[in-house]
């Protein structure tokens, strides 16, 4: 059996996976795309040498990325999903009955096509009538909107290359301006184990723009560092409070997980003061 050696630019370790089969290998205008089959994780989507999702554990990431802000918001109707060409975030957003419109902004159309073919259980929702797909830079999409969006969810690749535009103060300002008064924002922000300084930098940049900024985490086996963080922001509501009753079907996320996922206040304070050492 051949081996796949992951090429994560930020990880101090290297993950190695057994490969039963290479189902797809190609190159888009933006990145190298590969789908491999592993005996434990099933089909795995790999972009530029880095594992993005696996059939076995993708739900952990997608549920935690989406449902915290969707439940902290009183009634999310119009949602923007930036990135996440695999469609998992869109699938989770559509579980909320209040949702009327999802703008699915993915710069690389090829990732959507590959995901629909090899990850149908993940990408199945992208053809829903409420979803409008736009293949463009997400930073450009949110510019100069008139404050009509309830939630912006960023599901990007690592904070390098063309994804960098989604982690600037300018982008965060555009997001805030695009949101309604109840509006909320969430983005992945790497691992608390391996990328602590990066986590802090994202939090600090968001605090320059949003009045309420917080951090929550989830365990993810296939992402470097395994203790993954999500940086969330709100214009008005406390992100730790649940405003929309938990009624959806999920494998991991629930109202109890919601409350426990956030860093305890004393730990968060230590982190932001750069006193959290490991």
C-alpha atoms as a PDB file:
ATOM      1  CA  UNK A   1       0.000   0.000   0.000  1.00  0.00           C
ATOM      2  CA  UNK A   2       1.382   3.403  -0.954  1.00  0.00           C
ATOM      3  CA  UNK A   3       1.680   6.268   1.533  1.00  0.00           C
ATOM      4  CA  UNK A   4       0.586   9.897   1.339  1.00  0.00           C
ATOM      5  CA  UNK A   5       2.806  12.333   3.233  1.00  0.00           C
ATOM      6  CA  UNK A   6       0.917  15.521   4.056  1.00  0.00           C
ATOM      7  CA  UNK A   7       2.723  18.803   3.312  1.00  0.00           C
ATOM      8  CA  UNK A   8       1.264  21.165   5.908  1.00  0.00           C
ATOM      9  CA  UNK A   9       3.313  24.407   5.845  1.00  0.00           C
ATOM     10  CA  UNK A  10       2.524  25.223   9.486  1.00  0.00           C
ATOM     11  CA  UNK A  11       2.786  21.849  11.259  1.00  0.00           C
ATOM     12  CA  UNK A  12       5.906  20.849  13.198  1.00  0.00           C
ATOM     13  CA  UNK A  13       4.986  17.215  12.508  1.00  0.00           C
ATOM     14  CA  UNK A  14       4.038  15.315   9.367  1.00  0.00           C
ATOM     15  CA  UNK A  15       0.957  13.132   9.029  1.00  0.00           C
ATOM     16  CA  UNK A  16       1.196   9.978   6.893  1.00  0.00           C
ATOM     17  CA  UNK A  17      -1.820   8.149   5.469  1.00  0.00           C
ATOM     18  CA  UNK A  18      -2.188   4.764   3.807  1.00  0.00           C
ATOM     19  CA  UNK A  19      -3.621   5.114   0.313  1.00  0.00           C
ATOM     20  CA  UNK A  20      -5.870   2.372  -1.047  1.00  0.00           C
ATOM     21  CA  UNK A  21      -6.517   4.298  -4.243  1.00  0.00           C
ATOM     22  CA  UNK A  22      -5.972   7.698  -5.868  1.00  0.00           C
ATOM     23  CA  UNK A  23      -9.452   8.575  -7.092  1.00  0.00           C
ATOM     24  CA  UNK A  24      -8.617  11.938  -8.637  1.00  0.00           C
ATOM     25  CA  UNK A  25      -5.569  14.060  -9.302  1.00  0.00           C
ATOM     26  CA  UNK A  26      -5.617  17.383 -11.117  1.00  0.00           C
ATOM     27  CA  UNK A  27      -4.680  21.040 -11.048  1.00  0.00           C
ATOM     28  CA  UNK A  28      -7.043  23.993 -11.221  1.00  0.00           C
ATOM     29  CA  UNK A  29      -6.139  27.629 -11.859  1.00  0.00           C
ATOM     30  CA  UNK A  30      -5.604  27.997  -8.113  1.00  0.00           C
ATOM     31  CA  UNK A  31      -4.297  24.763  -6.603  1.00  0.00           C
ATOM     32  CA  UNK A  32      -3.523  21.078  -6.907  1.00  0.00           C
ATOM     33  CA  UNK A  33      -6.530  18.885  -6.118  1.00  0.00           C
ATOM     34  CA  UNK A  34      -6.380  15.226  -5.143  1.00  0.00           C
ATOM     35  CA  UNK A  35      -8.856  12.712  -3.752  1.00  0.00           C
ATOM     36  CA  UNK A  36      -7.409   9.628  -2.085  1.00  0.00           C
ATOM     37  CA  UNK A  37      -9.051   6.680  -0.356  1.00  0.00           C
ATOM     38  CA  UNK A  38      -7.803   5.679   3.100  1.00  0.00           C
ATOM     39  CA  UNK A  39      -8.909   2.471   4.901  1.00  0.00           C
ATOM     40  CA  UNK A  40      -9.874   4.380   8.078  1.00  0.00           C
ATOM     41  CA  UNK A  41     -10.962   7.841   6.906  1.00  0.00           C
ATOM     42  CA  UNK A  42     -12.529   6.890   3.568  1.00  0.00           C
ATOM     43  CA  UNK A  43     -12.305   9.429   0.759  1.00  0.00           C
ATOM     44  CA  UNK A  44     -10.042  12.365   1.591  1.00  0.00           C
ATOM     45  CA  UNK A  45      -9.903  15.738  -0.185  1.00  0.00           C
ATOM     46  CA  UNK A  46      -6.367  17.120  -0.450  1.00  0.00           C
ATOM     47  CA  UNK A  47      -5.549  20.638  -1.682  1.00  0.00           C
ATOM     48  CA  UNK A  48      -1.933  21.610  -2.325  1.00  0.00           C
ATOM     49  CA  UNK A  49      -0.767  18.626  -0.311  1.00  0.00           C
ATOM     50  CA  UNK A  50      -2.900  19.395   2.774  1.00  0.00           C
ATOM     51  CA  UNK A  51      -5.894  17.303   3.885  1.00  0.00           C
ATOM     52  CA  UNK A  52      -9.081  19.393   3.873  1.00  0.00           C
ATOM     53  CA  UNK A  53     -11.812  16.896   4.728  1.00  0.00           C
ATOM     54  CA  UNK A  54     -12.325  13.170   5.178  1.00  0.00           C
ATOM     55  CA  UNK A  55     -15.559  11.224   4.932  1.00  0.00           C
ATOM     56  CA  UNK A  56     -15.120   9.896   8.461  1.00  0.00           C
ATOM     57  CA  UNK A  57     -14.695  13.105  10.479  1.00  0.00           C
ATOM     58  CA  UNK A  58     -15.780  16.065   8.311  1.00  0.00           C
ATOM     59  CA  UNK A  59     -18.977  16.477  10.340  1.00  0.00           C
ATOM     60  CA  UNK A  60     -16.995  17.552  13.422  1.00  0.00           C
ATOM     61  CA  UNK A  61     -15.492  20.496  11.589  1.00  0.00           C
ATOM     62  CA  UNK A  62     -18.533  21.544   9.584  1.00  0.00           C
ATOM     63  CA  UNK A  63     -20.991  21.309  12.480  1.00  0.00           C
ATOM     64  CA  UNK A  64     -18.777  23.360  14.785  1.00  0.00           C
ATOM     65  CA  UNK A  65     -17.930  25.946  12.132  1.00  0.00           C
ATOM     66  CA  UNK A  66     -21.574  26.594  11.322  1.00  0.00           C
ATOM     67  CA  UNK A  67     -23.935  25.906  14.206  1.00  0.00           C
ATOM     68  CA  UNK A  68     -22.426  28.070  16.934  1.00  0.00           C
ATOM     69  CA  UNK A  69     -23.165  31.360  15.160  1.00  0.00           C
ATOM     70  CA  UNK A  70     -26.374  30.009  13.646  1.00  0.00           C
ATOM     71  CA  UNK A  71     -27.715  29.262  17.137  1.00  0.00           C
ATOM     72  CA  UNK A  72     -26.320  32.421  18.728  1.00  0.00           C
ATOM     73  CA  UNK A  73     -28.219  34.462  16.130  1.00  0.00           C
ATOM     74  CA  UNK A  74     -31.929  35.053  16.866  1.00  0.00           C
ATOM     75  CA  UNK A  75     -33.114  34.288  13.297  1.00  0.00           C
ATOM     76  CA  UNK A  76     -30.509  33.859  10.516  1.00  0.00           C
ATOM     77  CA  UNK A  77     -32.159  34.237   7.123  1.00  0.00           C
ATOM     78  CA  UNK A  78     -29.435  35.335   4.684  1.00  0.00           C
ATOM     79  CA  UNK A  79     -26.066  33.613   5.072  1.00  0.00           C
ATOM     80  CA  UNK A  80     -22.787  33.920   3.183  1.00  0.00           C
ATOM     81  CA  UNK A  81     -20.450  30.910   3.084  1.00  0.00           C
ATOM     82  CA  UNK A  82     -16.999  31.838   1.791  1.00  0.00           C
ATOM     83  CA  UNK A  83     -14.791  28.946   0.715  1.00  0.00           C
ATOM     84  CA  UNK A  84     -15.669  25.401   1.661  1.00  0.00           C
ATOM     85  CA  UNK A  85     -15.939  24.191  -1.909  1.00  0.00           C
ATOM     86  CA  UNK A  86     -16.681  20.719  -0.551  1.00  0.00           C
ATOM     87  CA  UNK A  87     -20.148  22.000   0.415  1.00  0.00           C
ATOM     88  CA  UNK A  88     -20.134  20.802   4.016  1.00  0.00           C
ATOM     89  CA  UNK A  89     -20.725  24.226   5.533  1.00  0.00           C
ATOM     90  CA  UNK A  90     -23.594  24.880   3.107  1.00  0.00           C
ATOM     91  CA  UNK A  91     -25.154  21.537   4.055  1.00  0.00           C
ATOM     92  CA  UNK A  92     -25.118  22.499   7.744  1.00  0.00           C
ATOM     93  CA  UNK A  93     -26.476  26.017   7.151  1.00  0.00           C
ATOM     94  CA  UNK A  94     -29.439  24.583   5.255  1.00  0.00           C
ATOM     95  CA  UNK A  95     -30.484  22.563   8.313  1.00  0.00           C
ATOM     96  CA  UNK A  96     -31.839  25.803   9.818  1.00  0.00           C
ATOM     97  CA  UNK A  97     -35.439  26.389   8.763  1.00  0.00           C
ATOM     98  CA  UNK A  98     -35.105  30.153   9.081  1.00  0.00           C
ATOM     99  CA  UNK A  99     -32.591  30.263   6.203  1.00  0.00           C
ATOM    100  CA  UNK A 100     -34.003  31.764   3.016  1.00  0.00           C
ATOM    101  CA  UNK A 101     -30.807  32.418   1.058  1.00  0.00           C
ATOM    102  CA  UNK A 102     -27.234  31.084   1.056  1.00  0.00           C
ATOM    103  CA  UNK A 103     -24.578  32.835  -1.003  1.00  0.00           C
ATOM    104  CA  UNK A 104     -21.943  30.160  -1.608  1.00  0.00           C
ATOM    105  CA  UNK A 105     -18.727  31.963  -2.576  1.00  0.00           C
ATOM    106  CA  UNK A 106     -15.963  29.613  -3.717  1.00  0.00           C
ATOM    107  CA  UNK A 107     -13.068  30.943  -5.780  1.00  0.00           C
ATOM    108  CA  UNK A 108     -12.224  27.526  -7.261  1.00  0.00           C
ATOM    109  CA  UNK A 109     -15.100  26.003  -9.209  1.00  0.00           C
ATOM    110  CA  UNK A 110     -13.129  22.804  -9.742  1.00  0.00           C
ATOM    111  CA  UNK A 111     -13.244  22.000  -5.998  1.00  0.00           C
ATOM    112  CA  UNK A 112     -17.044  22.115  -6.112  1.00  0.00           C
ATOM    113  CA  UNK A 113     -17.140  19.776  -9.123  1.00  0.00           C
ATOM    114  CA  UNK A 114     -14.716  17.283  -7.582  1.00  0.00           C
ATOM    115  CA  UNK A 115     -16.557  17.340  -4.249  1.00  0.00           C
ATOM    116  CA  UNK A 116     -19.940  16.705  -5.851  1.00  0.00           C
ATOM    117  CA  UNK A 117     -18.499  13.624  -7.552  1.00  0.00           C
ATOM    118  CA  UNK A 118     -16.450  12.115  -4.716  1.00  0.00           C
ATOM    119  CA  UNK A 119     -18.178  13.497  -1.594  1.00  0.00           C
ATOM    120  CA  UNK A 120     -21.919  13.463  -2.425  1.00  0.00           C
ATOM    121  CA  UNK A 121     -22.953  13.234   1.241  1.00  0.00           C
ATOM    122  CA  UNK A 122     -21.010  16.449   1.909  1.00  0.00           C
ATOM    123  CA  UNK A 123     -21.741  18.440  -1.245  1.00  0.00           C
ATOM    124  CA  UNK A 124     -25.347  17.354  -1.721  1.00  0.00           C
ATOM    125  CA  UNK A 125     -26.823  20.647  -0.530  1.00  0.00           C
ATOM    126  CA  UNK A 126     -25.092  22.985  -2.981  1.00  0.00           C
ATOM    127  CA  UNK A 127     -27.821  22.452  -5.600  1.00  0.00           C
ATOM    128  CA  UNK A 128     -30.582  23.457  -3.172  1.00  0.00           C
ATOM    129  CA  UNK A 129     -32.856  26.182  -4.586  1.00  0.00           C
ATOM    130  CA  UNK A 130     -31.864  28.520  -1.722  1.00  0.00           C
ATOM    131  CA  UNK A 131     -28.175  28.363  -2.678  1.00  0.00           C
ATOM    132  CA  UNK A 132     -26.594  30.810  -5.100  1.00  0.00           C
ATOM    133  CA  UNK A 133     -23.079  29.808  -6.156  1.00  0.00           C
ATOM    134  CA  UNK A 134     -20.606  32.520  -7.103  1.00  0.00           C
ATOM    135  CA  UNK A 135     -17.059  31.530  -8.130  1.00  0.00           C
ATOM    136  CA  UNK A 136     -15.112  34.578  -7.025  1.00  0.00           C
ATOM    137  CA  UNK A 137     -12.966  36.011  -4.224  1.00  0.00           C
ATOM    138  CA  UNK A 138     -15.047  36.124  -1.044  1.00  0.00           C
ATOM    139  CA  UNK A 139     -13.361  39.361   0.026  1.00  0.00           C
ATOM    140  CA  UNK A 140     -14.680  41.025  -3.126  1.00  0.00           C
ATOM    141  CA  UNK A 141     -18.190  39.657  -2.611  1.00  0.00           C
ATOM    142  CA  UNK A 142     -18.702  41.232   0.816  1.00  0.00           C
ATOM    143  CA  UNK A 143     -17.364  44.641  -0.226  1.00  0.00           C
ATOM    144  CA  UNK A 144     -19.899  47.464  -0.378  1.00  0.00           C
ATOM    145  CA  UNK A 145     -22.962  45.425   0.591  1.00  0.00           C
ATOM    146  CA  UNK A 146     -25.807  47.295   2.258  1.00  0.00           C
ATOM    147  CA  UNK A 147     -25.973  45.489   5.604  1.00  0.00           C
ATOM    148  CA  UNK A 148     -28.362  42.741   4.525  1.00  0.00           C
ATOM    149  CA  UNK A 149     -26.483  39.603   5.676  1.00  0.00           C
ATOM    150  CA  UNK A 150     -27.251  37.793   8.936  1.00  0.00           C
ATOM    151  CA  UNK A 151     -24.137  35.601   9.123  1.00  0.00           C
ATOM    152  CA  UNK A 152     -20.847  35.300   7.259  1.00  0.00           C
ATOM    153  CA  UNK A 153     -19.055  31.958   7.582  1.00  0.00           C
ATOM    154  CA  UNK A 154     -15.497  31.581   6.283  1.00  0.00           C
ATOM    155  CA  UNK A 155     -14.370  28.045   5.485  1.00  0.00           C
ATOM    156  CA  UNK A 156     -11.039  28.710   3.821  1.00  0.00           C
ATOM    157  CA  UNK A 157      -7.825  26.796   3.357  1.00  0.00           C
ATOM    158  CA  UNK A 158      -4.903  27.672   5.657  1.00  0.00           C
ATOM    159  CA  UNK A 159      -4.016  31.347   6.078  1.00  0.00           C
ATOM    160  CA  UNK A 160      -1.612  31.457   3.136  1.00  0.00           C
ATOM    161  CA  UNK A 161      -1.763  32.140  -0.605  1.00  0.00           C
ATOM    162  CA  UNK A 162      -5.064  33.391  -2.030  1.00  0.00           C
ATOM    163  CA  UNK A 163      -6.814  32.715   1.321  1.00  0.00           C
ATOM    164  CA  UNK A 164      -4.832  35.543   2.974  1.00  0.00           C
ATOM    165  CA  UNK A 165      -7.365  38.101   1.755  1.00  0.00           C
ATOM    166  CA  UNK A 166      -9.895  36.553   4.170  1.00  0.00           C
ATOM    167  CA  UNK A 167      -7.843  37.348   7.281  1.00  0.00           C
ATOM    168  CA  UNK A 168      -7.121  41.068   6.943  1.00  0.00           C
ATOM    169  CA  UNK A 169      -8.502  43.981   8.947  1.00  0.00           C
ATOM    170  CA  UNK A 170      -9.896  45.341   5.668  1.00  0.00           C
ATOM    171  CA  UNK A 171     -11.839  42.115   5.103  1.00  0.00           C
ATOM    172  CA  UNK A 172     -13.190  42.079   8.654  1.00  0.00           C
ATOM    173  CA  UNK A 173     -14.364  45.686   8.166  1.00  0.00           C
ATOM    174  CA  UNK A 174     -16.154  44.710   4.933  1.00  0.00           C
ATOM    175  CA  UNK A 175     -17.796  41.788   6.719  1.00  0.00           C
ATOM    176  CA  UNK A 176     -19.023  43.970   9.562  1.00  0.00           C
ATOM    177  CA  UNK A 177     -20.474  46.501   7.108  1.00  0.00           C
ATOM    178  CA  UNK A 178     -22.262  43.710   5.217  1.00  0.00           C
ATOM    179  CA  UNK A 179     -24.033  42.444   8.340  1.00  0.00           C
ATOM    180  CA  UNK A 180     -27.411  43.366   9.801  1.00  0.00           C
ATOM    181  CA  UNK A 181     -27.551  44.748  13.352  1.00  0.00           C
ATOM    182  CA  UNK A 182     -27.883  41.168  14.664  1.00  0.00           C
ATOM    183  CA  UNK A 183     -25.133  39.968  12.350  1.00  0.00           C
ATOM    184  CA  UNK A 184     -22.430  37.436  13.186  1.00  0.00           C
ATOM    185  CA  UNK A 185     -19.178  36.212  11.672  1.00  0.00           C
ATOM    186  CA  UNK A 186     -17.027  33.108  12.120  1.00  0.00           C
ATOM    187  CA  UNK A 187     -13.822  31.849  10.571  1.00  0.00           C
ATOM    188  CA  UNK A 188     -11.434  28.985  11.158  1.00  0.00           C
ATOM    189  CA  UNK A 189      -8.290  30.200  12.946  1.00  0.00           C
ATOM    190  CA  UNK A 190      -5.911  27.223  13.059  1.00  0.00           C
ATOM    191  CA  UNK A 191      -4.702  25.125  16.018  1.00  0.00           C
ATOM    192  CA  UNK A 192      -4.259  26.209  19.619  1.00  0.00           C
ATOM    193  CA  UNK A 193      -1.480  23.624  19.938  1.00  0.00           C
ATOM    194  CA  UNK A 194       0.632  24.501  16.896  1.00  0.00           C
ATOM    195  CA  UNK A 195      -0.452  27.982  15.808  1.00  0.00           C
ATOM    196  CA  UNK A 196      -1.109  29.880  19.043  1.00  0.00           C
ATOM    197  CA  UNK A 197       0.412  33.162  17.808  1.00  0.00           C
ATOM    198  CA  UNK A 198      -1.688  33.006  14.646  1.00  0.00           C
ATOM    199  CA  UNK A 199      -4.841  32.446  16.711  1.00  0.00           C
ATOM    200  CA  UNK A 200      -4.023  35.521  18.795  1.00  0.00           C
ATOM    201  CA  UNK A 201      -3.306  37.621  15.704  1.00  0.00           C
ATOM    202  CA  UNK A 202      -6.683  36.766  14.149  1.00  0.00           C
ATOM    203  CA  UNK A 203      -8.443  37.588  17.423  1.00  0.00           C
ATOM    204  CA  UNK A 204      -6.591  40.904  17.741  1.00  0.00           C
ATOM    205  CA  UNK A 205      -7.418  41.907  14.161  1.00  0.00           C
ATOM    206  CA  UNK A 206     -11.110  41.094  14.655  1.00  0.00           C
ATOM    207  CA  UNK A 207     -11.192  43.086  17.910  1.00  0.00           C
ATOM    208  CA  UNK A 208     -10.158  46.185  15.954  1.00  0.00           C
ATOM    209  CA  UNK A 209     -13.442  45.951  14.045  1.00  0.00           C
ATOM    210  CA  UNK A 210     -16.084  44.068  16.036  1.00  0.00           C
ATOM    211  CA  UNK A 211     -17.424  44.983  19.508  1.00  0.00           C
ATOM    212  CA  UNK A 212     -17.779  41.305  20.500  1.00  0.00           C
ATOM    213  CA  UNK A 213     -15.094  38.738  19.627  1.00  0.00           C
ATOM    214  CA  UNK A 214     -14.692  35.244  21.078  1.00  0.00           C
ATOM    215  CA  UNK A 215     -12.929  31.937  20.550  1.00  0.00           C
ATOM    216  CA  UNK A 216     -14.159  28.364  20.663  1.00  0.00           C
ATOM    217  CA  UNK A 217     -12.562  25.029  19.834  1.00  0.00           C
ATOM    218  CA  UNK A 218     -13.238  21.496  18.640  1.00  0.00           C
ATOM    219  CA  UNK A 219     -11.251  18.222  18.474  1.00  0.00           C
ATOM    220  CA  UNK A 220     -10.300  17.301  14.900  1.00  0.00           C
ATOM    221  CA  UNK A 221      -8.190  14.233  14.168  1.00  0.00           C
ATOM    222  CA  UNK A 222      -7.074  15.175  10.655  1.00  0.00           C
ATOM    223  CA  UNK A 223      -6.098  18.825  11.166  1.00  0.00           C
ATOM    224  CA  UNK A 224      -2.596  19.671  12.381  1.00  0.00           C
ATOM    225  CA  UNK A 225      -2.560  20.196  16.137  1.00  0.00           C
ATOM    226  CA  UNK A 226      -5.955  18.467  16.541  1.00  0.00           C
ATOM    227  CA  UNK A 227      -7.279  21.199  18.904  1.00  0.00           C
ATOM    228  CA  UNK A 228      -8.821  23.460  16.266  1.00  0.00           C
ATOM    229  CA  UNK A 229     -10.029  27.003  16.876  1.00  0.00           C
ATOM    230  CA  UNK A 230     -12.836  29.108  15.461  1.00  0.00           C
ATOM    231  CA  UNK A 231     -12.783  32.885  15.804  1.00  0.00           C
ATOM    232  CA  UNK A 232     -16.257  34.377  15.995  1.00  0.00           C
ATOM    233  CA  UNK A 233     -17.591  37.919  16.172  1.00  0.00           C
ATOM    234  CA  UNK A 234     -20.906  39.651  16.715  1.00  0.00           C
ATOM    235  CA  UNK A 235     -22.245  43.170  16.393  1.00  0.00           C
ATOM    236  CA  UNK A 236     -24.591  42.830  19.369  1.00  0.00           C
ATOM    237  CA  UNK A 237     -25.230  39.360  20.805  1.00  0.00           C
ATOM    238  CA  UNK A 238     -23.117  37.261  23.155  1.00  0.00           C
ATOM    239  CA  UNK A 239     -21.892  34.323  21.057  1.00  0.00           C
ATOM    240  CA  UNK A 240     -21.984  32.003  24.067  1.00  0.00           C
ATOM    241  CA  UNK A 241     -25.757  32.459  24.458  1.00  0.00           C
ATOM    242  CA  UNK A 242     -28.148  30.351  22.403  1.00  0.00           C
ATOM    243  CA  UNK A 243     -30.857  32.480  20.817  1.00  0.00           C
ATOM    244  CA  UNK A 244     -32.249  29.885  18.375  1.00  0.00           C
ATOM    245  CA  UNK A 245     -33.527  26.688  19.987  1.00  0.00           C
ATOM    246  CA  UNK A 246     -31.514  23.571  19.120  1.00  0.00           C
ATOM    247  CA  UNK A 247     -33.793  21.421  16.976  1.00  0.00           C
ATOM    248  CA  UNK A 248     -31.620  20.286  14.074  1.00  0.00           C
ATOM    249  CA  UNK A 249     -30.114  16.870  13.370  1.00  0.00           C
ATOM    250  CA  UNK A 250     -26.382  16.769  14.190  1.00  0.00           C
ATOM    251  CA  UNK A 251     -23.827  14.101  15.068  1.00  0.00           C
ATOM    252  CA  UNK A 252     -21.664  16.131  17.477  1.00  0.00           C
ATOM    253  CA  UNK A 253     -22.873  19.687  18.011  1.00  0.00           C
ATOM    254  CA  UNK A 254     -25.682  20.340  20.470  1.00  0.00           C
ATOM    255  CA  UNK A 255     -26.661  23.067  22.923  1.00  0.00           C
ATOM    256  CA  UNK A 256     -24.400  21.604  25.638  1.00  0.00           C
ATOM    257  CA  UNK A 257     -21.405  21.417  23.284  1.00  0.00           C
ATOM    258  CA  UNK A 258     -22.133  25.024  22.255  1.00  0.00           C
ATOM    259  CA  UNK A 259     -21.694  26.299  25.801  1.00  0.00           C
ATOM    260  CA  UNK A 260     -18.663  24.153  26.584  1.00  0.00           C
ATOM    261  CA  UNK A 261     -16.746  24.804  23.342  1.00  0.00           C
ATOM    262  CA  UNK A 262     -15.696  28.350  24.260  1.00  0.00           C
ATOM    263  CA  UNK A 263     -12.440  28.868  26.119  1.00  0.00           C
ATOM    264  CA  UNK A 264     -13.060  29.551  29.822  1.00  0.00           C
ATOM    265  CA  UNK A 265     -12.716  33.319  30.490  1.00  0.00           C
ATOM    266  CA  UNK A 266      -9.537  32.980  32.543  1.00  0.00           C
ATOM    267  CA  UNK A 267      -7.864  30.804  29.911  1.00  0.00           C
ATOM    268  CA  UNK A 268      -8.954  33.188  27.139  1.00  0.00           C
ATOM    269  CA  UNK A 269      -7.562  36.162  29.077  1.00  0.00           C
ATOM    270  CA  UNK A 270      -4.245  34.350  29.537  1.00  0.00           C
ATOM    271  CA  UNK A 271      -4.125  33.538  25.839  1.00  0.00           C
ATOM    272  CA  UNK A 272      -4.720  37.130  24.762  1.00  0.00           C
ATOM    273  CA  UNK A 273      -2.106  38.380  27.220  1.00  0.00           C
ATOM    274  CA  UNK A 274       0.318  35.868  25.651  1.00  0.00           C
ATOM    275  CA  UNK A 275       0.763  34.187  29.019  1.00  0.00           C
ATOM    276  CA  UNK A 276      -0.530  30.799  27.936  1.00  0.00           C
ATOM    277  CA  UNK A 277       2.647  28.783  27.583  1.00  0.00           C
ATOM    278  CA  UNK A 278       3.281  25.412  25.940  1.00  0.00           C
END
